[in-house]
């Protein structure tokens, strides 16, 4: 991937959930929700505060994060679907 997000933006890949559940049921594609976890693949340099200082991002490349179901904007690059969102859209860091 050759993309560098600006300011407080993050580029991530949604982590797909497994199709089988513990009870052995298979969930059809039409009934699945969008995954709410993602792996961060690129991070911007941080948000610029009102006083002109740059606040470094809390999220690091490689982190697994929780995101809102409809957060960010999806785009395709080299046949892979990515998600670009603001650091404020990250609900938490997993792990």
C-alpha atoms as a PDB file:
ATOM      1  CA  UNK A   1       0.000   0.000   0.000  1.00  0.00           C
ATOM      2  CA  UNK A   2       1.332   3.411  -0.924  1.00  0.00           C
ATOM      3  CA  UNK A   3      -0.799   5.986   0.915  1.00  0.00           C
ATOM      4  CA  UNK A   4       0.069   8.453   3.663  1.00  0.00           C
ATOM      5  CA  UNK A   5      -2.885   9.831   5.633  1.00  0.00           C
ATOM      6  CA  UNK A   6      -2.806  13.505   6.596  1.00  0.00           C
ATOM      7  CA  UNK A   7      -3.244  15.108  10.043  1.00  0.00           C
ATOM      8  CA  UNK A   8      -5.427  12.965  12.340  1.00  0.00           C
ATOM      9  CA  UNK A   9      -6.584  10.498   9.681  1.00  0.00           C
ATOM     10  CA  UNK A  10      -6.078   6.736   9.937  1.00  0.00           C
ATOM     11  CA  UNK A  11      -6.148   4.080   7.206  1.00  0.00           C
ATOM     12  CA  UNK A  12      -7.407   0.694   8.381  1.00  0.00           C
ATOM     13  CA  UNK A  13      -8.557  -2.715   7.161  1.00  0.00           C
ATOM     14  CA  UNK A  14     -11.792  -4.127   8.546  1.00  0.00           C
ATOM     15  CA  UNK A  15     -11.259  -7.458  10.302  1.00  0.00           C
ATOM     16  CA  UNK A  16     -13.838  -9.901   9.009  1.00  0.00           C
ATOM     17  CA  UNK A  17     -15.582 -12.080  11.572  1.00  0.00           C
ATOM     18  CA  UNK A  18     -15.697 -15.833  11.123  1.00  0.00           C
ATOM     19  CA  UNK A  19     -18.779 -17.248   9.440  1.00  0.00           C
ATOM     20  CA  UNK A  20     -19.374 -20.026  11.973  1.00  0.00           C
ATOM     21  CA  UNK A  21     -20.530 -19.363  15.502  1.00  0.00           C
ATOM     22  CA  UNK A  22     -19.809 -21.457  18.593  1.00  0.00           C
ATOM     23  CA  UNK A  23     -23.042 -23.414  18.102  1.00  0.00           C
ATOM     24  CA  UNK A  24     -22.014 -24.397  14.575  1.00  0.00           C
ATOM     25  CA  UNK A  25     -24.522 -22.102  12.819  1.00  0.00           C
ATOM     26  CA  UNK A  26     -23.422 -20.465   9.593  1.00  0.00           C
ATOM     27  CA  UNK A  27     -24.525 -16.862   9.155  1.00  0.00           C
ATOM     28  CA  UNK A  28     -25.460 -15.955   5.543  1.00  0.00           C
ATOM     29  CA  UNK A  29     -23.745 -12.911   3.988  1.00  0.00           C
ATOM     30  CA  UNK A  30     -27.027 -10.997   3.812  1.00  0.00           C
ATOM     31  CA  UNK A  31     -27.526 -11.201   7.590  1.00  0.00           C
ATOM     32  CA  UNK A  32     -24.006 -10.133   8.582  1.00  0.00           C
ATOM     33  CA  UNK A  33     -23.260  -6.721  10.041  1.00  0.00           C
ATOM     34  CA  UNK A  34     -20.151  -4.802   9.096  1.00  0.00           C
ATOM     35  CA  UNK A  35     -17.249  -5.756  11.355  1.00  0.00           C
ATOM     36  CA  UNK A  36     -16.575  -3.248  14.083  1.00  0.00           C
ATOM     37  CA  UNK A  37     -12.890  -4.074  14.502  1.00  0.00           C
ATOM     38  CA  UNK A  38     -10.098  -2.985  12.194  1.00  0.00           C
ATOM     39  CA  UNK A  39      -6.333  -3.189  11.876  1.00  0.00           C
ATOM     40  CA  UNK A  40      -4.533   0.144  11.477  1.00  0.00           C
ATOM     41  CA  UNK A  41      -2.220   0.123   8.441  1.00  0.00           C
ATOM     42  CA  UNK A  42      -1.211   3.821   8.361  1.00  0.00           C
ATOM     43  CA  UNK A  43      -1.466   6.811  10.705  1.00  0.00           C
ATOM     44  CA  UNK A  44      -1.223  10.537  10.007  1.00  0.00           C
ATOM     45  CA  UNK A  45       1.098  12.908  11.858  1.00  0.00           C
ATOM     46  CA  UNK A  46      -1.566  14.133  14.311  1.00  0.00           C
ATOM     47  CA  UNK A  47      -4.104  16.877  14.843  1.00  0.00           C
ATOM     48  CA  UNK A  48      -3.095  20.544  14.937  1.00  0.00           C
ATOM     49  CA  UNK A  49      -4.459  22.294  18.026  1.00  0.00           C
ATOM     50  CA  UNK A  50      -5.827  25.863  18.127  1.00  0.00           C
ATOM     51  CA  UNK A  51      -2.517  27.146  19.515  1.00  0.00           C
ATOM     52  CA  UNK A  52      -0.640  25.697  16.501  1.00  0.00           C
ATOM     53  CA  UNK A  53       0.925  22.733  18.296  1.00  0.00           C
ATOM     54  CA  UNK A  54       0.601  19.247  16.835  1.00  0.00           C
ATOM     55  CA  UNK A  55      -1.008  16.576  19.044  1.00  0.00           C
ATOM     56  CA  UNK A  56       0.540  13.193  18.129  1.00  0.00           C
ATOM     57  CA  UNK A  57      -1.944  10.363  17.480  1.00  0.00           C
ATOM     58  CA  UNK A  58      -2.691   7.833  20.235  1.00  0.00           C
ATOM     59  CA  UNK A  59      -3.293   5.052  17.710  1.00  0.00           C
ATOM     60  CA  UNK A  60      -0.247   3.317  16.235  1.00  0.00           C
ATOM     61  CA  UNK A  61       0.258   1.373  13.026  1.00  0.00           C
ATOM     62  CA  UNK A  62      -0.564  -2.310  13.574  1.00  0.00           C
ATOM     63  CA  UNK A  63      -3.047  -1.653  16.395  1.00  0.00           C
ATOM     64  CA  UNK A  64      -6.400  -3.439  16.463  1.00  0.00           C
ATOM     65  CA  UNK A  65      -9.165  -0.890  17.087  1.00  0.00           C
ATOM     66  CA  UNK A  66     -12.910  -0.731  17.675  1.00  0.00           C
ATOM     67  CA  UNK A  67     -14.772   1.555  15.292  1.00  0.00           C
ATOM     68  CA  UNK A  68     -18.354   2.600  14.724  1.00  0.00           C
ATOM     69  CA  UNK A  69     -20.381   0.504  12.293  1.00  0.00           C
ATOM     70  CA  UNK A  70     -20.639   3.319   9.735  1.00  0.00           C
ATOM     71  CA  UNK A  71     -17.455   5.254  10.615  1.00  0.00           C
ATOM     72  CA  UNK A  72     -15.102   6.527   7.951  1.00  0.00           C
ATOM     73  CA  UNK A  73     -15.070   6.299   4.184  1.00  0.00           C
ATOM     74  CA  UNK A  74     -14.242   3.159   2.236  1.00  0.00           C
ATOM     75  CA  UNK A  75     -11.948   3.137  -0.788  1.00  0.00           C
ATOM     76  CA  UNK A  76     -10.226   0.511  -2.917  1.00  0.00           C
ATOM     77  CA  UNK A  77      -6.499   0.499  -3.666  1.00  0.00           C
ATOM     78  CA  UNK A  78      -4.741  -2.309  -5.542  1.00  0.00           C
ATOM     79  CA  UNK A  79      -7.829  -4.520  -5.204  1.00  0.00           C
ATOM     80  CA  UNK A  80      -8.013  -4.180  -1.397  1.00  0.00           C
ATOM     81  CA  UNK A  81     -10.845  -2.370   0.423  1.00  0.00           C
ATOM     82  CA  UNK A  82      -9.519   0.126   2.976  1.00  0.00           C
ATOM     83  CA  UNK A  83     -11.216   2.461   5.397  1.00  0.00           C
ATOM     84  CA  UNK A  84     -10.037   6.020   6.097  1.00  0.00           C
ATOM     85  CA  UNK A  85     -11.305   7.633   9.280  1.00  0.00           C
ATOM     86  CA  UNK A  86     -10.409  10.283  11.835  1.00  0.00           C
ATOM     87  CA  UNK A  87      -8.783   9.321  15.089  1.00  0.00           C
ATOM     88  CA  UNK A  88     -11.932  10.628  16.843  1.00  0.00           C
ATOM     89  CA  UNK A  89     -13.900   7.811  15.115  1.00  0.00           C
ATOM     90  CA  UNK A  90     -11.867   5.180  16.983  1.00  0.00           C
ATOM     91  CA  UNK A  91     -13.827   3.978  20.007  1.00  0.00           C
ATOM     92  CA  UNK A  92     -10.981   2.045  21.625  1.00  0.00           C
ATOM     93  CA  UNK A  93      -7.843  -0.012  21.172  1.00  0.00           C
ATOM     94  CA  UNK A  94      -8.153  -3.799  21.550  1.00  0.00           C
ATOM     95  CA  UNK A  95      -5.426  -5.721  23.339  1.00  0.00           C
END
